[in-house]
Amino acid sequence: KVIRNVSDQQKLQSVMNLVKNWSDEWLLELN
């Protein structure tokens, strides 16, 4: 993601949270 401001950072963190939640739900452990 291109980060231009704090809002962009928050959106990227939200995507990272989604990936973590998705991996937990599907029992796919992240390294």
All heavy atoms as atom14 arrays in JSON, in Angstrom:
{
  "sequence": "KVIRNVSDQQKLQSVMNLVKNWSDEWLLELN",
  "atom14_mask": [
    [1, 1, 1, 1, 1, 1, 1, 1, 1, 0, 0, 0, 0, 0],
    [1, 1, 1, 1, 1, 1, 1, 0, 0, 0, 0, 0, 0, 0],
    [1, 1, 1, 1, 1, 1, 1, 1, 0, 0, 0, 0, 0, 0],
    [1, 1, 1, 1, 1, 1, 1, 1, 1, 1, 1, 0, 0, 0],
    [1, 1, 1, 1, 1, 1, 1, 1, 0, 0, 0, 0, 0, 0],
    [1, 1, 1, 1, 1, 1, 1, 0, 0, 0, 0, 0, 0, 0],
    [1, 1, 1, 1, 1, 1, 0, 0, 0, 0, 0, 0, 0, 0],
    [1, 1, 1, 1, 1, 1, 1, 1, 0, 0, 0, 0, 0, 0],
    [1, 1, 1, 1, 1, 1, 1, 1, 1, 0, 0, 0, 0, 0],
    [1, 1, 1, 1, 1, 1, 1, 1, 1, 0, 0, 0, 0, 0],
    [1, 1, 1, 1, 1, 1, 1, 1, 1, 0, 0, 0, 0, 0],
    [1, 1, 1, 1, 1, 1, 1, 1, 0, 0, 0, 0, 0, 0],
    [1, 1, 1, 1, 1, 1, 1, 1, 1, 0, 0, 0, 0, 0],
    [1, 1, 1, 1, 1, 1, 0, 0, 0, 0, 0, 0, 0, 0],
    [1, 1, 1, 1, 1, 1, 1, 0, 0, 0, 0, 0, 0, 0],
    [1, 1, 1, 1, 1, 1, 1, 1, 0, 0, 0, 0, 0, 0],
    [1, 1, 1, 1, 1, 1, 1, 1, 0, 0, 0, 0, 0, 0],
    [1, 1, 1, 1, 1, 1, 1, 1, 0, 0, 0, 0, 0, 0],
    [1, 1, 1, 1, 1, 1, 1, 0, 0, 0, 0, 0, 0, 0],
    [1, 1, 1, 1, 1, 1, 1, 1, 1, 0, 0, 0, 0, 0],
    [1, 1, 1, 1, 1, 1, 1, 1, 0, 0, 0, 0, 0, 0],
    [1, 1, 1, 1, 1, 1, 1, 1, 1, 1, 1, 1, 1, 1],
    [1, 1, 1, 1, 1, 1, 0, 0, 0, 0, 0, 0, 0, 0],
    [1, 1, 1, 1, 1, 1, 1, 1, 0, 0, 0, 0, 0, 0],
    [1, 1, 1, 1, 1, 1, 1, 1, 1, 0, 0, 0, 0, 0],
    [1, 1, 1, 1, 1, 1, 1, 1, 1, 1, 1, 1, 1, 1],
    [1, 1, 1, 1, 1, 1, 1, 1, 0, 0, 0, 0, 0, 0],
    [1, 1, 1, 1, 1, 1, 1, 1, 0, 0, 0, 0, 0, 0],
    [1, 1, 1, 1, 1, 1, 1, 1, 1, 0, 0, 0, 0, 0],
    [1, 1, 1, 1, 1, 1, 1, 1, 0, 0, 0, 0, 0, 0],
    [1, 1, 1, 1, 1, 1, 1, 1, 0, 0, 0, 0, 0, 0]
  ],
  "atom14_positions": [
    [[0.85, -1.19, 0.0], [0.0, 0.0, 0.0], [0.88, 1.24, 0.0], [1.9, 1.29, 0.69], [-0.9, 0.02, 1.23], [-1.77, 1.27, 1.3], [-2.91, 1.1, 2.24], [-3.81, 2.31, 2.25], [-4.43, 2.58, 0.98], [0.0, 0.0, 0.0], [0.0, 0.0, 0.0], [0.0, 0.0, 0.0], [0.0, 0.0, 0.0], [0.0, 0.0, 0.0]],
    [[0.47, 2.23, -0.76], [1.12, 3.53, -0.71], [0.59, 4.25, 0.53], [-0.62, 4.37, 0.72], [0.82, 4.36, -1.98], [1.38, 5.76, -1.87], [1.38, 3.66, -3.21], [0.0, 0.0, 0.0], [0.0, 0.0, 0.0], [0.0, 0.0, 0.0], [0.0, 0.0, 0.0], [0.0, 0.0, 0.0], [0.0, 0.0, 0.0], [0.0, 0.0, 0.0]],
    [[1.51, 4.7, 1.37], [1.14, 5.37, 2.62], [1.43, 6.87, 2.47], [2.57, 7.26, 2.29], [1.95, 4.81, 3.82], [1.79, 3.3, 3.93], [1.57, 5.52, 5.1], [0.41, 2.83, 4.25], [0.0, 0.0, 0.0], [0.0, 0.0, 0.0], [0.0, 0.0, 0.0], [0.0, 0.0, 0.0], [0.0, 0.0, 0.0], [0.0, 0.0, 0.0]],
    [[0.36, 7.65, 2.5], [0.51, 9.11, 2.4], [0.14, 9.82, 3.7], [0.45, 10.98, 3.88], [-0.35, 9.63, 1.26], [0.13, 9.16, -0.09], [-0.62, 9.87, -1.22], [-0.03, 9.52, -2.5], [-0.46, 8.54, -3.27], [-1.5, 7.8, -2.9], [0.13, 8.28, -4.42], [0.0, 0.0, 0.0], [0.0, 0.0, 0.0], [0.0, 0.0, 0.0]],
    [[-0.61, 9.11, 4.57], [-1.06, 9.74, 5.81], [-1.43, 8.66, 6.83], [-1.34, 7.46, 6.53], [-2.25, 10.67, 5.54], [-3.35, 9.96, 4.76], [-3.72, 8.84, 5.08], [-3.85, 10.62, 3.73], [0.0, 0.0, 0.0], [0.0, 0.0, 0.0], [0.0, 0.0, 0.0], [0.0, 0.0, 0.0], [0.0, 0.0, 0.0], [0.0, 0.0, 0.0]],
    [[-1.84, 9.08, 7.99], [-2.17, 8.16, 9.07], [-3.36, 7.28, 8.69], [-3.41, 6.1, 9.04], [-2.45, 8.93, 10.38], [-2.96, 8.01, 11.47], [-1.2, 9.65, 10.84], [0.0, 0.0, 0.0], [0.0, 0.0, 0.0], [0.0, 0.0, 0.0], [0.0, 0.0, 0.0], [0.0, 0.0, 0.0], [0.0, 0.0, 0.0], [0.0, 0.0, 0.0]],
    [[-4.3, 7.81, 7.96], [-5.46, 7.02, 7.51], [-5.02, 5.84, 6.65], [-5.55, 4.73, 6.79], [-6.43, 7.91, 6.74], [-7.49, 7.15, 6.24], [0.0, 0.0, 0.0], [0.0, 0.0, 0.0], [0.0, 0.0, 0.0], [0.0, 0.0, 0.0], [0.0, 0.0, 0.0], [0.0, 0.0, 0.0], [0.0, 0.0, 0.0], [0.0, 0.0, 0.0]],
    [[-4.04, 6.07, 5.77], [-3.5, 4.98, 4.95], [-2.85, 3.91, 5.83], [-2.99, 2.72, 5.58], [-2.48, 5.51, 3.94], [-3.12, 6.3, 2.81], [-4.33, 6.14, 2.58], [-2.39, 7.07, 2.16], [0.0, 0.0, 0.0], [0.0, 0.0, 0.0], [0.0, 0.0, 0.0], [0.0, 0.0, 0.0], [0.0, 0.0, 0.0], [0.0, 0.0, 0.0]],
    [[-2.14, 4.35, 6.86], [-1.52, 3.4, 7.79], [-2.58, 2.56, 8.49], [-2.43, 1.35, 8.63], [-0.71, 4.14, 8.85], [0.59, 4.71, 8.36], [1.3, 5.42, 9.48], [0.92, 6.53, 9.83], [2.31, 4.78, 10.04], [0.0, 0.0, 0.0], [0.0, 0.0, 0.0], [0.0, 0.0, 0.0], [0.0, 0.0, 0.0], [0.0, 0.0, 0.0]],
    [[-3.65, 3.19, 8.91], [-4.73, 2.48, 9.6], [-5.39, 1.46, 8.68], [-5.74, 0.36, 9.1], [-5.75, 3.47, 10.15], [-5.19, 4.31, 11.28], [-6.09, 5.47, 11.65], [-7.0, 5.86, 10.92], [-5.83, 6.06, 12.82], [0.0, 0.0, 0.0], [0.0, 0.0, 0.0], [0.0, 0.0, 0.0], [0.0, 0.0, 0.0], [0.0, 0.0, 0.0]],
    [[-5.57, 1.83, 7.41], [-6.17, 0.9, 6.45], [-5.26, -0.31, 6.23], [-5.74, -1.44, 6.15], [-6.45, 1.61, 5.13], [-7.59, 2.59, 5.21], [-7.78, 3.32, 3.9], [-8.85, 4.37, 4.01], [-8.97, 5.17, 2.79], [0.0, 0.0, 0.0], [0.0, 0.0, 0.0], [0.0, 0.0, 0.0], [0.0, 0.0, 0.0], [0.0, 0.0, 0.0]],
    [[-3.96, -0.07, 6.13], [-3.02, -1.18, 5.96], [-3.04, -2.08, 7.19], [-3.05, -3.31, 7.08], [-1.61, -0.67, 5.69], [-0.54, -1.73, 5.48], [-0.92, -2.69, 4.34], [0.81, -1.09, 5.21], [0.0, 0.0, 0.0], [0.0, 0.0, 0.0], [0.0, 0.0, 0.0], [0.0, 0.0, 0.0], [0.0, 0.0, 0.0], [0.0, 0.0, 0.0]],
    [[-3.07, -1.5, 8.38], [-3.17, -2.29, 9.6], [-4.46, -3.11, 9.61], [-4.47, -4.27, 10.02], [-3.1, -1.4, 10.85], [-3.13, -2.18, 12.16], [-1.92, -3.08, 12.36], [-0.8, -2.62, 12.36], [-2.16, -4.37, 12.52], [0.0, 0.0, 0.0], [0.0, 0.0, 0.0], [0.0, 0.0, 0.0], [0.0, 0.0, 0.0], [0.0, 0.0, 0.0]],
    [[-5.55, -2.53, 9.11], [-6.83, -3.26, 9.03], [-6.72, -4.46, 8.1], [-7.26, -5.54, 8.39], [-7.95, -2.33, 8.55], [-8.21, -1.34, 9.5], [0.0, 0.0, 0.0], [0.0, 0.0, 0.0], [0.0, 0.0, 0.0], [0.0, 0.0, 0.0], [0.0, 0.0, 0.0], [0.0, 0.0, 0.0], [0.0, 0.0, 0.0], [0.0, 0.0, 0.0]],
    [[-6.02, -4.3, 6.99], [-5.82, -5.42, 6.07], [-4.97, -6.5, 6.74], [-5.26, -7.7, 6.64], [-5.19, -4.95, 4.74], [-4.77, -6.13, 3.88], [-6.16, -4.05, 3.99], [0.0, 0.0, 0.0], [0.0, 0.0, 0.0], [0.0, 0.0, 0.0], [0.0, 0.0, 0.0], [0.0, 0.0, 0.0], [0.0, 0.0, 0.0], [0.0, 0.0, 0.0]],
    [[-3.92, -6.08, 7.45], [-3.09, -7.05, 8.16], [-3.91, -7.8, 9.22], [-3.76, -9.01, 9.37], [-1.9, -6.34, 8.82], [-0.88, -5.84, 7.83], [0.42, -4.87, 8.6], [1.07, -6.01, 9.8], [0.0, 0.0, 0.0], [0.0, 0.0, 0.0], [0.0, 0.0, 0.0], [0.0, 0.0, 0.0], [0.0, 0.0, 0.0], [0.0, 0.0, 0.0]],
    [[-4.78, -7.09, 9.92], [-5.64, -7.73, 10.92], [-6.57, -8.74, 10.25], [-6.78, -9.84, 10.77], [-6.47, -6.7, 11.67], [-5.62, -5.78, 12.52], [-4.47, -6.07, 12.82], [-6.19, -4.65, 12.91], [0.0, 0.0, 0.0], [0.0, 0.0, 0.0], [0.0, 0.0, 0.0], [0.0, 0.0, 0.0], [0.0, 0.0, 0.0], [0.0, 0.0, 0.0]],
    [[-7.09, -8.39, 9.09], [-7.97, -9.3, 8.36], [-7.22, -10.57, 7.97], [-7.74, -11.67, 8.12], [-8.54, -8.63, 7.11], [-9.37, -9.54, 6.25], [-10.76, -9.0, 6.05], [-8.69, -9.78, 4.93], [0.0, 0.0, 0.0], [0.0, 0.0, 0.0], [0.0, 0.0, 0.0], [0.0, 0.0, 0.0], [0.0, 0.0, 0.0], [0.0, 0.0, 0.0]],
    [[-6.0, -10.42, 7.46], [-5.19, -11.59, 7.07], [-4.93, -12.47, 8.29], [-5.05, -13.7, 8.21], [-3.87, -11.15, 6.4], [-2.92, -12.32, 6.24], [-4.15, -10.49, 5.06], [0.0, 0.0, 0.0], [0.0, 0.0, 0.0], [0.0, 0.0, 0.0], [0.0, 0.0, 0.0], [0.0, 0.0, 0.0], [0.0, 0.0, 0.0], [0.0, 0.0, 0.0]],
    [[-4.61, -11.87, 9.42], [-4.37, -12.65, 10.64], [-5.64, -13.37, 11.08], [-5.61, -14.56, 11.41], [-3.85, -11.72, 11.74], [-3.67, -12.41, 13.08], [-2.57, -13.44, 13.04], [-2.27, -13.95, 14.43], [-2.55, -15.35, 14.61], [0.0, 0.0, 0.0], [0.0, 0.0, 0.0], [0.0, 0.0, 0.0], [0.0, 0.0, 0.0], [0.0, 0.0, 0.0]],
    [[-6.77, -12.69, 11.08], [-8.04, -13.31, 11.48], [-8.41, -14.43, 10.51], [-8.89, -15.49, 10.92], [-9.15, -12.28, 11.56], [-8.95, -11.32, 12.7], [-8.27, -11.62, 13.68], [-9.53, -10.14, 12.59], [0.0, 0.0, 0.0], [0.0, 0.0, 0.0], [0.0, 0.0, 0.0], [0.0, 0.0, 0.0], [0.0, 0.0, 0.0], [0.0, 0.0, 0.0]],
    [[-8.21, -14.2, 9.21], [-8.5, -15.21, 8.19], [-7.64, -16.45, 8.43], [-8.13, -17.57, 8.39], [-8.25, -14.63, 6.8], [-8.47, -15.58, 5.68], [-9.62, -15.78, 4.97], [-7.51, -16.5, 5.12], [-9.44, -16.76, 4.02], [-8.15, -17.2, 4.09], [-6.18, -16.78, 5.39], [-7.5, -18.18, 3.34], [-5.54, -17.75, 4.65], [-6.2, -18.44, 3.63]],
    [[-6.34, -16.25, 8.67], [-5.45, -17.39, 8.89], [-5.82, -18.15, 10.16], [-5.75, -19.37, 10.19], [-3.99, -16.94, 8.91], [-3.71, -16.2, 10.07], [0.0, 0.0, 0.0], [0.0, 0.0, 0.0], [0.0, 0.0, 0.0], [0.0, 0.0, 0.0], [0.0, 0.0, 0.0], [0.0, 0.0, 0.0], [0.0, 0.0, 0.0], [0.0, 0.0, 0.0]],
    [[-6.23, -17.44, 11.21], [-6.66, -18.11, 12.44], [-7.93, -18.93, 12.18], [-8.04, -20.06, 12.64], [-6.92, -17.09, 13.55], [-5.65, -16.46, 14.09], [-4.55, -16.99, 13.81], [-5.76, -15.43, 14.77], [0.0, 0.0, 0.0], [0.0, 0.0, 0.0], [0.0, 0.0, 0.0], [0.0, 0.0, 0.0], [0.0, 0.0, 0.0], [0.0, 0.0, 0.0]],
    [[-8.87, -18.34, 11.44], [-10.13, -19.03, 11.16], [-9.91, -20.31, 10.36], [-10.55, -21.33, 10.6], [-11.06, -18.09, 10.38], [-12.38, -18.7, 10.01], [-13.26, -17.76, 9.21], [-13.05, -16.53, 9.28], [-14.15, -18.25, 8.5], [0.0, 0.0, 0.0], [0.0, 0.0, 0.0], [0.0, 0.0, 0.0], [0.0, 0.0, 0.0], [0.0, 0.0, 0.0]],
    [[-8.98, -20.27, 9.41], [-8.72, -21.43, 8.54], [-7.58, -22.3, 9.05], [-7.11, -23.2, 8.35], [-8.45, -20.96, 7.11], [-9.7, -20.45, 6.48], [-10.05, -19.14, 6.28], [-10.78, -21.23, 5.97], [-11.28, -19.07, 5.69], [-11.74, -20.34, 5.48], [-11.02, -22.6, 5.89], [-12.94, -20.77, 4.91], [-12.21, -23.04, 5.32], [-13.15, -22.13, 4.85]],
    [[-7.12, -22.04, 10.28], [-6.07, -22.84, 10.92], [-4.79, -22.9, 10.09], [-4.11, -23.92, 10.01], [-6.57, -24.26, 11.22], [-7.84, -24.35, 12.05], [-8.3, -25.79, 12.17], [-7.67, -23.7, 13.41], [0.0, 0.0, 0.0], [0.0, 0.0, 0.0], [0.0, 0.0, 0.0], [0.0, 0.0, 0.0], [0.0, 0.0, 0.0], [0.0, 0.0, 0.0]],
    [[-4.46, -21.78, 9.48], [-3.25, -21.66, 8.68], [-2.29, -20.74, 9.45], [-2.44, -19.53, 9.46], [-3.58, -21.06, 7.3], [-2.47, -21.01, 6.29], [-2.04, -22.43, 5.91], [-2.92, -20.27, 5.05], [0.0, 0.0, 0.0], [0.0, 0.0, 0.0], [0.0, 0.0, 0.0], [0.0, 0.0, 0.0], [0.0, 0.0, 0.0], [0.0, 0.0, 0.0]],
    [[-1.34, -21.35, 10.12], [-0.45, -20.6, 10.99], [0.52, -19.73, 10.19], [1.16, -20.19, 9.26], [0.35, -21.56, 11.87], [1.18, -20.87, 12.92], [1.89, -21.86, 13.83], [1.48, -23.02, 13.9], [2.88, -21.44, 14.45], [0.0, 0.0, 0.0], [0.0, 0.0, 0.0], [0.0, 0.0, 0.0], [0.0, 0.0, 0.0], [0.0, 0.0, 0.0]],
    [[0.6, -18.46, 10.57], [1.55, -17.54, 9.94], [2.9, -17.66, 10.64], [2.96, -17.77, 11.86], [1.06, -16.1, 10.05], [-0.25, -15.76, 9.37], [-0.63, -14.32, 9.65], [-0.15, -16.0, 7.87], [0.0, 0.0, 0.0], [0.0, 0.0, 0.0], [0.0, 0.0, 0.0], [0.0, 0.0, 0.0], [0.0, 0.0, 0.0], [0.0, 0.0, 0.0]],
    [[3.97, -17.62, 9.85], [5.3, -17.64, 10.42], [5.71, -16.18, 10.66], [6.3, -15.53, 9.81], [6.29, -18.34, 9.49], [7.64, -18.51, 10.13], [7.96, -17.88, 11.12], [8.44, -19.38, 9.55], [0.0, 0.0, 0.0], [0.0, 0.0, 0.0], [0.0, 0.0, 0.0], [0.0, 0.0, 0.0], [0.0, 0.0, 0.0], [0.0, 0.0, 0.0]]
  ]
}
